[in-house]
């Protein structure tokens, strides 16, 4: 392996050995092989073990569980590649994931591809181009697995957040001077939906963390009502998924106050007379 590989791929993991091996294998199977895979075991009860006979894999272990932000930061600290990419331990790269990244990085310092769920056809991923600081949170922030960037540009993740750390990270990245984003509109990342262990990233943690992000960046959300509306709608959907319809109603009302839409009004109506529990999609943020 070269002293400075072209790509460093950071794979944080906690207690998912049944998925981790497949995730790492998908990274090692890239059409671009000038890479290192940094597996960060975030204090799993049963330590992750290296089952990969490949010198490109670097396994490090944190003695205490710190959450996804802390694990990714540990990977950032030792990454040597010119470019960074990310893969969750329960997801997969397509074989050309880094090839798509390289295509985009030839145009801009931050490049995203499309993703889809393993058990569903492709949807309508959001494409971003240019200076996206005013639009990046108007919809779902790009999944980190869709993201590749020049290593020197990468902010650290906020370790005070148990979830939504990727949303907050993207907000700071997009707001940096001179940062431009481009999209390669082809699928390079596969997201696994499952009912397995989620550590600190269950719905309760996601709600708390999204509310915290709204507080941390109050000025941004005050100036961007579309982003504020989307954030509160997401909180409402997750609260409804937990059966907390009172909290869901409050969140939907805040979303409507920022930006009225028929869809959010429908969510509010169902939270007033709930007939079934919402099941929001399992997503990273």
C-alpha atoms as a PDB file:
ATOM      1  CA  UNK A   1       0.000   0.000   0.000  1.00  0.00           C
ATOM      2  CA  UNK A   2       1.300   3.461  -0.895  1.00  0.00           C
ATOM      3  CA  UNK A   3       2.289   5.747   1.981  1.00  0.00           C
ATOM      4  CA  UNK A   4      -0.445   8.144   0.924  1.00  0.00           C
ATOM      5  CA  UNK A   5      -3.306   6.268  -0.739  1.00  0.00           C
ATOM      6  CA  UNK A   6      -5.634   8.170  -3.008  1.00  0.00           C
ATOM      7  CA  UNK A   7      -8.704   7.410  -0.868  1.00  0.00           C
ATOM      8  CA  UNK A   8      -9.251   6.848   2.830  1.00  0.00           C
ATOM      9  CA  UNK A   9     -12.582   5.175   3.538  1.00  0.00           C
ATOM     10  CA  UNK A  10     -13.739   5.464   7.155  1.00  0.00           C
ATOM     11  CA  UNK A  11     -16.003   2.699   8.476  1.00  0.00           C
ATOM     12  CA  UNK A  12     -17.218   3.262  12.058  1.00  0.00           C
ATOM     13  CA  UNK A  13     -18.670   0.177  13.739  1.00  0.00           C
ATOM     14  CA  UNK A  14     -20.360  -0.821  16.974  1.00  0.00           C
ATOM     15  CA  UNK A  15     -21.679  -4.302  17.647  1.00  0.00           C
ATOM     16  CA  UNK A  16     -22.572  -5.314  14.082  1.00  0.00           C
ATOM     17  CA  UNK A  17     -20.182  -8.126  13.135  1.00  0.00           C
ATOM     18  CA  UNK A  18     -22.871  -9.717  10.966  1.00  0.00           C
ATOM     19  CA  UNK A  19     -22.831  -6.698   8.638  1.00  0.00           C
ATOM     20  CA  UNK A  20     -19.311  -5.303   9.054  1.00  0.00           C
ATOM     21  CA  UNK A  21     -17.515  -7.963   7.021  1.00  0.00           C
ATOM     22  CA  UNK A  22     -19.786  -7.430   4.041  1.00  0.00           C
ATOM     23  CA  UNK A  23     -19.398  -3.646   4.255  1.00  0.00           C
ATOM     24  CA  UNK A  24     -15.592  -3.787   4.304  1.00  0.00           C
ATOM     25  CA  UNK A  25     -15.527  -6.389   1.520  1.00  0.00           C
ATOM     26  CA  UNK A  26     -17.560  -4.034  -0.669  1.00  0.00           C
ATOM     27  CA  UNK A  27     -14.968  -1.286  -0.157  1.00  0.00           C
ATOM     28  CA  UNK A  28     -12.054  -3.597  -0.901  1.00  0.00           C
ATOM     29  CA  UNK A  29     -13.760  -4.703  -4.132  1.00  0.00           C
ATOM     30  CA  UNK A  30     -13.537  -1.249  -5.713  1.00  0.00           C
ATOM     31  CA  UNK A  31     -12.479  -0.729  -9.313  1.00  0.00           C
ATOM     32  CA  UNK A  32     -10.004   1.802  -7.868  1.00  0.00           C
ATOM     33  CA  UNK A  33      -7.671  -0.060  -5.531  1.00  0.00           C
ATOM     34  CA  UNK A  34      -5.483   2.837  -4.354  1.00  0.00           C
ATOM     35  CA  UNK A  35      -7.209   3.087  -0.997  1.00  0.00           C
ATOM     36  CA  UNK A  36      -7.078   2.384   2.699  1.00  0.00           C
ATOM     37  CA  UNK A  37     -10.023   1.225   4.796  1.00  0.00           C
ATOM     38  CA  UNK A  38     -10.036   2.570   8.339  1.00  0.00           C
ATOM     39  CA  UNK A  39     -12.354   0.462  10.501  1.00  0.00           C
ATOM     40  CA  UNK A  40     -13.020   2.198  13.813  1.00  0.00           C
ATOM     41  CA  UNK A  41     -14.450  -0.095  16.478  1.00  0.00           C
ATOM     42  CA  UNK A  42     -16.290   2.315  18.763  1.00  0.00           C
ATOM     43  CA  UNK A  43     -15.894   0.285  21.944  1.00  0.00           C
ATOM     44  CA  UNK A  44     -18.038  -2.677  20.870  1.00  0.00           C
ATOM     45  CA  UNK A  45     -18.841  -5.070  23.751  1.00  0.00           C
ATOM     46  CA  UNK A  46     -17.187  -7.791  21.688  1.00  0.00           C
ATOM     47  CA  UNK A  47     -14.156  -6.225  19.974  1.00  0.00           C
ATOM     48  CA  UNK A  48     -14.205  -6.255  16.197  1.00  0.00           C
ATOM     49  CA  UNK A  49     -11.686  -8.669  14.743  1.00  0.00           C
ATOM     50  CA  UNK A  50      -9.813  -8.257  11.499  1.00  0.00           C
ATOM     51  CA  UNK A  51     -10.953 -10.965   9.125  1.00  0.00           C
ATOM     52  CA  UNK A  52      -9.472  -9.315   6.065  1.00  0.00           C
ATOM     53  CA  UNK A  53      -6.230 -10.581   4.629  1.00  0.00           C
ATOM     54  CA  UNK A  54      -5.519  -7.233   3.051  1.00  0.00           C
ATOM     55  CA  UNK A  55      -2.868  -4.732   4.106  1.00  0.00           C
ATOM     56  CA  UNK A  56      -5.138  -1.876   3.053  1.00  0.00           C
ATOM     57  CA  UNK A  57      -7.364  -2.448   6.101  1.00  0.00           C
ATOM     58  CA  UNK A  58      -6.465  -0.615   9.313  1.00  0.00           C
ATOM     59  CA  UNK A  59      -8.463  -1.611  12.385  1.00  0.00           C
ATOM     60  CA  UNK A  60      -8.416   0.644  15.427  1.00  0.00           C
ATOM     61  CA  UNK A  61     -10.420   0.347  18.620  1.00  0.00           C
ATOM     62  CA  UNK A  62     -11.777   3.013  20.937  1.00  0.00           C
ATOM     63  CA  UNK A  63     -11.941   1.727  24.494  1.00  0.00           C
ATOM     64  CA  UNK A  64     -15.078   3.746  25.258  1.00  0.00           C
ATOM     65  CA  UNK A  65     -18.144   4.058  23.077  1.00  0.00           C
ATOM     66  CA  UNK A  66     -18.427   7.669  21.933  1.00  0.00           C
ATOM     67  CA  UNK A  67     -20.978   7.472  19.145  1.00  0.00           C
ATOM     68  CA  UNK A  68     -20.713   7.908  15.371  1.00  0.00           C
ATOM     69  CA  UNK A  69     -19.129  11.373  15.545  1.00  0.00           C
ATOM     70  CA  UNK A  70     -16.316  10.262  17.849  1.00  0.00           C
ATOM     71  CA  UNK A  71     -15.667   7.139  15.774  1.00  0.00           C
ATOM     72  CA  UNK A  72     -15.468   9.080  12.516  1.00  0.00           C
ATOM     73  CA  UNK A  73     -13.185  11.649  14.132  1.00  0.00           C
ATOM     74  CA  UNK A  74     -10.842   8.855  15.199  1.00  0.00           C
ATOM     75  CA  UNK A  75     -10.698   7.796  11.572  1.00  0.00           C
ATOM     76  CA  UNK A  76     -10.108  11.354  10.383  1.00  0.00           C
ATOM     77  CA  UNK A  77      -7.153  11.701  12.727  1.00  0.00           C
ATOM     78  CA  UNK A  78      -5.200   8.902  11.082  1.00  0.00           C
ATOM     79  CA  UNK A  79      -6.467   9.105   7.500  1.00  0.00           C
ATOM     80  CA  UNK A  80      -3.677   9.475   4.950  1.00  0.00           C
ATOM     81  CA  UNK A  81      -5.556   9.633   1.668  1.00  0.00           C
ATOM     82  CA  UNK A  82      -5.872  12.702  -0.490  1.00  0.00           C
ATOM     83  CA  UNK A  83      -9.627  12.122  -0.515  1.00  0.00           C
ATOM     84  CA  UNK A  84     -12.087  10.863   2.095  1.00  0.00           C
ATOM     85  CA  UNK A  85     -15.148   8.677   1.756  1.00  0.00           C
ATOM     86  CA  UNK A  86     -17.406   7.032   4.321  1.00  0.00           C
ATOM     87  CA  UNK A  87     -19.238   3.735   4.634  1.00  0.00           C
ATOM     88  CA  UNK A  88     -21.520   2.744   7.499  1.00  0.00           C
ATOM     89  CA  UNK A  89     -20.943  -0.729   8.891  1.00  0.00           C
ATOM     90  CA  UNK A  90     -24.375  -1.956   7.778  1.00  0.00           C
ATOM     91  CA  UNK A  91     -24.270  -0.512   4.240  1.00  0.00           C
ATOM     92  CA  UNK A  92     -22.406  -1.308   1.030  1.00  0.00           C
ATOM     93  CA  UNK A  93     -20.395   0.388  -1.689  1.00  0.00           C
ATOM     94  CA  UNK A  94     -21.152  -0.513  -5.279  1.00  0.00           C
ATOM     95  CA  UNK A  95     -17.949  -1.699  -7.036  1.00  0.00           C
ATOM     96  CA  UNK A  96     -17.611   1.676  -8.799  1.00  0.00           C
ATOM     97  CA  UNK A  97     -18.314   3.871  -5.754  1.00  0.00           C
ATOM     98  CA  UNK A  98     -14.839   5.451  -5.688  1.00  0.00           C
ATOM     99  CA  UNK A  99     -14.739   5.676  -9.462  1.00  0.00           C
ATOM    100  CA  UNK A 100     -17.851   7.864  -9.260  1.00  0.00           C
ATOM    101  CA  UNK A 101     -16.195   9.872  -6.500  1.00  0.00           C
ATOM    102  CA  UNK A 102     -13.101  10.437  -8.614  1.00  0.00           C
ATOM    103  CA  UNK A 103     -15.244  11.603 -11.524  1.00  0.00           C
ATOM    104  CA  UNK A 104     -16.928  14.204  -9.325  1.00  0.00           C
ATOM    105  CA  UNK A 105     -13.755  15.267  -7.529  1.00  0.00           C
ATOM    106  CA  UNK A 106     -12.248  16.208 -10.868  1.00  0.00           C
ATOM    107  CA  UNK A 107     -14.911  18.952 -11.009  1.00  0.00           C
ATOM    108  CA  UNK A 108     -15.297  20.062  -7.385  1.00  0.00           C
ATOM    109  CA  UNK A 109     -13.674  19.492  -3.980  1.00  0.00           C
ATOM    110  CA  UNK A 110     -16.833  17.770  -2.679  1.00  0.00           C
ATOM    111  CA  UNK A 111     -18.657  15.150  -4.726  1.00  0.00           C
ATOM    112  CA  UNK A 112     -21.787  13.144  -4.050  1.00  0.00           C
ATOM    113  CA  UNK A 113     -23.326  10.226  -5.884  1.00  0.00           C
ATOM    114  CA  UNK A 114     -26.796   8.707  -5.602  1.00  0.00           C
ATOM    115  CA  UNK A 115     -27.862   5.939  -3.251  1.00  0.00           C
ATOM    116  CA  UNK A 116     -30.716   3.490  -2.958  1.00  0.00           C
ATOM    117  CA  UNK A 117     -32.038   1.034  -0.401  1.00  0.00           C
ATOM    118  CA  UNK A 118     -30.927  -2.564  -0.793  1.00  0.00           C
ATOM    119  CA  UNK A 119     -34.537  -3.734  -0.660  1.00  0.00           C
ATOM    120  CA  UNK A 120     -36.122  -1.110  -2.891  1.00  0.00           C
ATOM    121  CA  UNK A 121     -35.730   0.458  -6.330  1.00  0.00           C
ATOM    122  CA  UNK A 122     -33.984   3.790  -6.660  1.00  0.00           C
ATOM    123  CA  UNK A 123     -35.957   6.817  -5.529  1.00  0.00           C
ATOM    124  CA  UNK A 124     -35.235  10.434  -6.304  1.00  0.00           C
ATOM    125  CA  UNK A 125     -31.983  11.404  -4.578  1.00  0.00           C
ATOM    126  CA  UNK A 126     -31.254  15.103  -4.244  1.00  0.00           C
ATOM    127  CA  UNK A 127     -28.599  16.458  -6.620  1.00  0.00           C
ATOM    128  CA  UNK A 128     -26.477  19.376  -5.422  1.00  0.00           C
ATOM    129  CA  UNK A 129     -24.309  21.690  -7.495  1.00  0.00           C
ATOM    130  CA  UNK A 130     -22.073  24.650  -6.709  1.00  0.00           C
ATOM    131  CA  UNK A 131     -22.430  26.717  -3.549  1.00  0.00           C
ATOM    132  CA  UNK A 132     -25.096  24.859  -1.579  1.00  0.00           C
ATOM    133  CA  UNK A 133     -24.968  26.605   1.788  1.00  0.00           C
ATOM    134  CA  UNK A 134     -28.476  28.010   1.288  1.00  0.00           C
ATOM    135  CA  UNK A 135     -30.094  24.766   0.117  1.00  0.00           C
ATOM    136  CA  UNK A 136     -28.214  21.819   1.624  1.00  0.00           C
ATOM    137  CA  UNK A 137     -30.745  21.254   4.429  1.00  0.00           C
ATOM    138  CA  UNK A 138     -33.904  21.985   2.429  1.00  0.00           C
ATOM    139  CA  UNK A 139     -34.245  18.206   2.083  1.00  0.00           C
ATOM    140  CA  UNK A 140     -32.322  15.258   3.487  1.00  0.00           C
ATOM    141  CA  UNK A 141     -28.654  16.152   3.886  1.00  0.00           C
ATOM    142  CA  UNK A 142     -26.628  13.853   1.635  1.00  0.00           C
ATOM    143  CA  UNK A 143     -25.899  10.550   3.328  1.00  0.00           C
ATOM    144  CA  UNK A 144     -22.221  10.414   4.278  1.00  0.00           C
ATOM    145  CA  UNK A 145     -21.941   7.263   2.195  1.00  0.00           C
ATOM    146  CA  UNK A 146     -22.776   9.378  -0.853  1.00  0.00           C
ATOM    147  CA  UNK A 147     -20.071  11.873   0.022  1.00  0.00           C
ATOM    148  CA  UNK A 148     -16.415  12.154  -0.971  1.00  0.00           C
ATOM    149  CA  UNK A 149     -14.204  15.176  -0.449  1.00  0.00           C
ATOM    150  CA  UNK A 150     -10.673  16.476  -0.244  1.00  0.00           C
ATOM    151  CA  UNK A 151      -9.349  15.424   3.142  1.00  0.00           C
ATOM    152  CA  UNK A 152      -8.016  18.874   4.028  1.00  0.00           C
ATOM    153  CA  UNK A 153     -11.542  20.300   3.778  1.00  0.00           C
ATOM    154  CA  UNK A 154     -13.207  17.836   6.134  1.00  0.00           C
ATOM    155  CA  UNK A 155     -14.523  19.342   9.387  1.00  0.00           C
ATOM    156  CA  UNK A 156     -14.504  17.252  12.529  1.00  0.00           C
ATOM    157  CA  UNK A 157     -17.842  15.845  13.617  1.00  0.00           C
ATOM    158  CA  UNK A 158     -19.507  17.316  16.696  1.00  0.00           C
ATOM    159  CA  UNK A 159     -19.160  14.672  19.397  1.00  0.00           C
ATOM    160  CA  UNK A 160     -21.869  16.265  21.552  1.00  0.00           C
ATOM    161  CA  UNK A 161     -24.440  14.867  19.111  1.00  0.00           C
ATOM    162  CA  UNK A 162     -25.490  11.223  19.362  1.00  0.00           C
ATOM    163  CA  UNK A 163     -27.269  11.474  16.008  1.00  0.00           C
ATOM    164  CA  UNK A 164     -27.768  14.047  13.238  1.00  0.00           C
ATOM    165  CA  UNK A 165     -24.017  14.668  13.440  1.00  0.00           C
ATOM    166  CA  UNK A 166     -23.917  14.295   9.667  1.00  0.00           C
ATOM    167  CA  UNK A 167     -26.569  17.010   9.246  1.00  0.00           C
ATOM    168  CA  UNK A 168     -24.607  19.443  11.412  1.00  0.00           C
ATOM    169  CA  UNK A 169     -21.334  18.458   9.690  1.00  0.00           C
ATOM    170  CA  UNK A 170     -22.815  19.136   6.268  1.00  0.00           C
ATOM    171  CA  UNK A 171     -24.065  22.544   7.399  1.00  0.00           C
ATOM    172  CA  UNK A 172     -20.556  23.589   8.429  1.00  0.00           C
ATOM    173  CA  UNK A 173     -18.936  22.024   5.368  1.00  0.00           C
ATOM    174  CA  UNK A 174     -21.317  23.765   2.958  1.00  0.00           C
ATOM    175  CA  UNK A 175     -20.799  27.083   4.732  1.00  0.00           C
ATOM    176  CA  UNK A 176     -17.010  27.053   4.394  1.00  0.00           C
ATOM    177  CA  UNK A 177     -15.529  29.663   2.076  1.00  0.00           C
ATOM    178  CA  UNK A 178     -15.009  28.478  -1.457  1.00  0.00           C
ATOM    179  CA  UNK A 179     -16.485  24.995  -0.998  1.00  0.00           C
ATOM    180  CA  UNK A 180     -18.290  23.752  -4.080  1.00  0.00           C
ATOM    181  CA  UNK A 181     -20.246  20.545  -4.497  1.00  0.00           C
ATOM    182  CA  UNK A 182     -21.029  18.454  -7.551  1.00  0.00           C
ATOM    183  CA  UNK A 183     -23.226  15.414  -8.121  1.00  0.00           C
ATOM    184  CA  UNK A 184     -22.452  12.339 -10.198  1.00  0.00           C
ATOM    185  CA  UNK A 185     -26.009  11.114 -10.872  1.00  0.00           C
ATOM    186  CA  UNK A 186     -25.365   7.390 -10.624  1.00  0.00           C
ATOM    187  CA  UNK A 187     -25.872   4.985  -7.733  1.00  0.00           C
ATOM    188  CA  UNK A 188     -22.742   4.250  -5.743  1.00  0.00           C
ATOM    189  CA  UNK A 189     -24.054   3.530  -2.251  1.00  0.00           C
ATOM    190  CA  UNK A 190     -26.520   0.924  -0.950  1.00  0.00           C
ATOM    191  CA  UNK A 191     -28.364   1.509   2.326  1.00  0.00           C
ATOM    192  CA  UNK A 192     -29.518  -1.456   4.393  1.00  0.00           C
ATOM    193  CA  UNK A 193     -32.766  -1.194   6.317  1.00  0.00           C
ATOM    194  CA  UNK A 194     -32.950  -3.544   9.282  1.00  0.00           C
ATOM    195  CA  UNK A 195     -34.263  -3.855  12.813  1.00  0.00           C
ATOM    196  CA  UNK A 196     -30.885  -4.605  14.361  1.00  0.00           C
ATOM    197  CA  UNK A 197     -28.988  -2.732  17.053  1.00  0.00           C
ATOM    198  CA  UNK A 198     -28.771   1.029  16.505  1.00  0.00           C
ATOM    199  CA  UNK A 199     -26.795   2.078  19.559  1.00  0.00           C
ATOM    200  CA  UNK A 200     -27.150   5.803  20.075  1.00  0.00           C
ATOM    201  CA  UNK A 201     -29.043   6.447  16.843  1.00  0.00           C
ATOM    202  CA  UNK A 202     -32.626   5.404  17.627  1.00  0.00           C
ATOM    203  CA  UNK A 203     -35.526   7.769  17.087  1.00  0.00           C
ATOM    204  CA  UNK A 204     -35.286   9.284  20.576  1.00  0.00           C
ATOM    205  CA  UNK A 205     -31.642  10.218  19.992  1.00  0.00           C
ATOM    206  CA  UNK A 206     -32.402  11.530  16.521  1.00  0.00           C
ATOM    207  CA  UNK A 207     -35.146  13.778  17.852  1.00  0.00           C
ATOM    208  CA  UNK A 208     -32.939  15.166  20.640  1.00  0.00           C
ATOM    209  CA  UNK A 209     -30.037  15.705  18.280  1.00  0.00           C
ATOM    210  CA  UNK A 210     -32.104  17.414  15.581  1.00  0.00           C
ATOM    211  CA  UNK A 211     -33.552  19.762  18.198  1.00  0.00           C
ATOM    212  CA  UNK A 212     -30.000  20.448  19.365  1.00  0.00           C
ATOM    213  CA  UNK A 213     -28.889  21.239  15.798  1.00  0.00           C
ATOM    214  CA  UNK A 214     -31.772  23.688  15.486  1.00  0.00           C
ATOM    215  CA  UNK A 215     -30.529  25.408  18.660  1.00  0.00           C
ATOM    216  CA  UNK A 216     -26.849  25.346  17.679  1.00  0.00           C
ATOM    217  CA  UNK A 217     -27.531  26.961  14.321  1.00  0.00           C
ATOM    218  CA  UNK A 218     -30.541  29.093  15.241  1.00  0.00           C
ATOM    219  CA  UNK A 219     -29.403  31.994  13.039  1.00  0.00           C
ATOM    220  CA  UNK A 220     -29.110  29.759   9.988  1.00  0.00           C
ATOM    221  CA  UNK A 221     -32.549  28.226  10.459  1.00  0.00           C
ATOM    222  CA  UNK A 222     -34.098  31.638  11.142  1.00  0.00           C
ATOM    223  CA  UNK A 223     -32.783  32.813   7.778  1.00  0.00           C
ATOM    224  CA  UNK A 224     -33.720  29.599   5.952  1.00  0.00           C
ATOM    225  CA  UNK A 225     -37.412  28.806   6.594  1.00  0.00           C
ATOM    226  CA  UNK A 226     -37.462  25.924   4.126  1.00  0.00           C
ATOM    227  CA  UNK A 227     -34.675  24.153   6.035  1.00  0.00           C
ATOM    228  CA  UNK A 228     -36.373  24.939   9.350  1.00  0.00           C
ATOM    229  CA  UNK A 229     -39.655  23.506   8.082  1.00  0.00           C
ATOM    230  CA  UNK A 230     -37.977  20.329   6.869  1.00  0.00           C
ATOM    231  CA  UNK A 231     -36.144  19.829  10.174  1.00  0.00           C
ATOM    232  CA  UNK A 232     -39.334  20.138  12.205  1.00  0.00           C
ATOM    233  CA  UNK A 233     -41.224  17.859   9.826  1.00  0.00           C
ATOM    234  CA  UNK A 234     -38.552  15.183  10.298  1.00  0.00           C
ATOM    235  CA  UNK A 235     -38.852  15.546  14.080  1.00  0.00           C
ATOM    236  CA  UNK A 236     -42.614  15.223  13.783  1.00  0.00           C
ATOM    237  CA  UNK A 237     -42.380  12.054  11.711  1.00  0.00           C
ATOM    238  CA  UNK A 238     -39.980  10.429  14.153  1.00  0.00           C
ATOM    239  CA  UNK A 239     -42.101  11.422  17.152  1.00  0.00           C
ATOM    240  CA  UNK A 240     -45.163   9.945  15.425  1.00  0.00           C
ATOM    241  CA  UNK A 241     -43.147   6.790  14.759  1.00  0.00           C
ATOM    242  CA  UNK A 242     -42.615   6.515  18.514  1.00  0.00           C
ATOM    243  CA  UNK A 243     -46.322   7.043  19.165  1.00  0.00           C
ATOM    244  CA  UNK A 244     -45.719  10.461  20.758  1.00  0.00           C
ATOM    245  CA  UNK A 245     -48.461  12.233  18.853  1.00  0.00           C
ATOM    246  CA  UNK A 246     -48.442  15.311  21.080  1.00  0.00           C
ATOM    247  CA  UNK A 247     -44.797  15.972  20.278  1.00  0.00           C
ATOM    248  CA  UNK A 248     -45.485  15.177  16.636  1.00  0.00           C
ATOM    249  CA  UNK A 249     -48.277  17.778  16.509  1.00  0.00           C
ATOM    250  CA  UNK A 250     -46.048  20.448  18.027  1.00  0.00           C
ATOM    251  CA  UNK A 251     -43.304  19.696  15.511  1.00  0.00           C
ATOM    252  CA  UNK A 252     -45.688  19.691  12.534  1.00  0.00           C
ATOM    253  CA  UNK A 253     -47.153  23.039  13.653  1.00  0.00           C
ATOM    254  CA  UNK A 254     -43.644  24.527  13.818  1.00  0.00           C
ATOM    255  CA  UNK A 255     -42.952  23.155  10.364  1.00  0.00           C
ATOM    256  CA  UNK A 256     -46.147  24.676   8.990  1.00  0.00           C
ATOM    257  CA  UNK A 257     -45.340  28.027  10.599  1.00  0.00           C
ATOM    258  CA  UNK A 258     -42.018  28.086   8.755  1.00  0.00           C
ATOM    259  CA  UNK A 259     -43.351  26.846   5.414  1.00  0.00           C
ATOM    260  CA  UNK A 260     -46.926  25.654   4.919  1.00  0.00           C
ATOM    261  CA  UNK A 261     -47.296  22.601   2.686  1.00  0.00           C
ATOM    262  CA  UNK A 262     -50.182  20.230   2.016  1.00  0.00           C
ATOM    263  CA  UNK A 263     -48.066  17.206   2.899  1.00  0.00           C
ATOM    264  CA  UNK A 264     -47.133  18.538   6.332  1.00  0.00           C
ATOM    265  CA  UNK A 265     -50.744  19.531   6.917  1.00  0.00           C
ATOM    266  CA  UNK A 266     -51.684  15.926   6.182  1.00  0.00           C
ATOM    267  CA  UNK A 267     -49.128  14.701   8.711  1.00  0.00           C
ATOM    268  CA  UNK A 268     -50.616  17.073  11.289  1.00  0.00           C
ATOM    269  CA  UNK A 269     -54.134  15.816  10.618  1.00  0.00           C
ATOM    270  CA  UNK A 270     -53.075  12.201  11.083  1.00  0.00           C
ATOM    271  CA  UNK A 271     -51.300  13.071  14.320  1.00  0.00           C
ATOM    272  CA  UNK A 272     -54.529  14.612  15.662  1.00  0.00           C
ATOM    273  CA  UNK A 273     -56.533  11.460  14.895  1.00  0.00           C
ATOM    274  CA  UNK A 274     -53.885   8.755  14.599  1.00  0.00           C
ATOM    275  CA  UNK A 275     -55.207   5.460  13.246  1.00  0.00           C
ATOM    276  CA  UNK A 276     -51.855   3.770  12.901  1.00  0.00           C
ATOM    277  CA  UNK A 277     -48.280   4.341  13.969  1.00  0.00           C
ATOM    278  CA  UNK A 278     -45.992   6.052  11.515  1.00  0.00           C
ATOM    279  CA  UNK A 279     -42.971   4.032  10.437  1.00  0.00           C
ATOM    280  CA  UNK A 280     -40.501   6.594   9.040  1.00  0.00           C
ATOM    281  CA  UNK A 281     -37.732   5.208   6.855  1.00  0.00           C
ATOM    282  CA  UNK A 282     -34.571   4.109   8.589  1.00  0.00           C
ATOM    283  CA  UNK A 283     -32.043   6.721   7.565  1.00  0.00           C
ATOM    284  CA  UNK A 284     -28.822   7.935   9.039  1.00  0.00           C
ATOM    285  CA  UNK A 285     -30.182  11.249  10.145  1.00  0.00           C
END
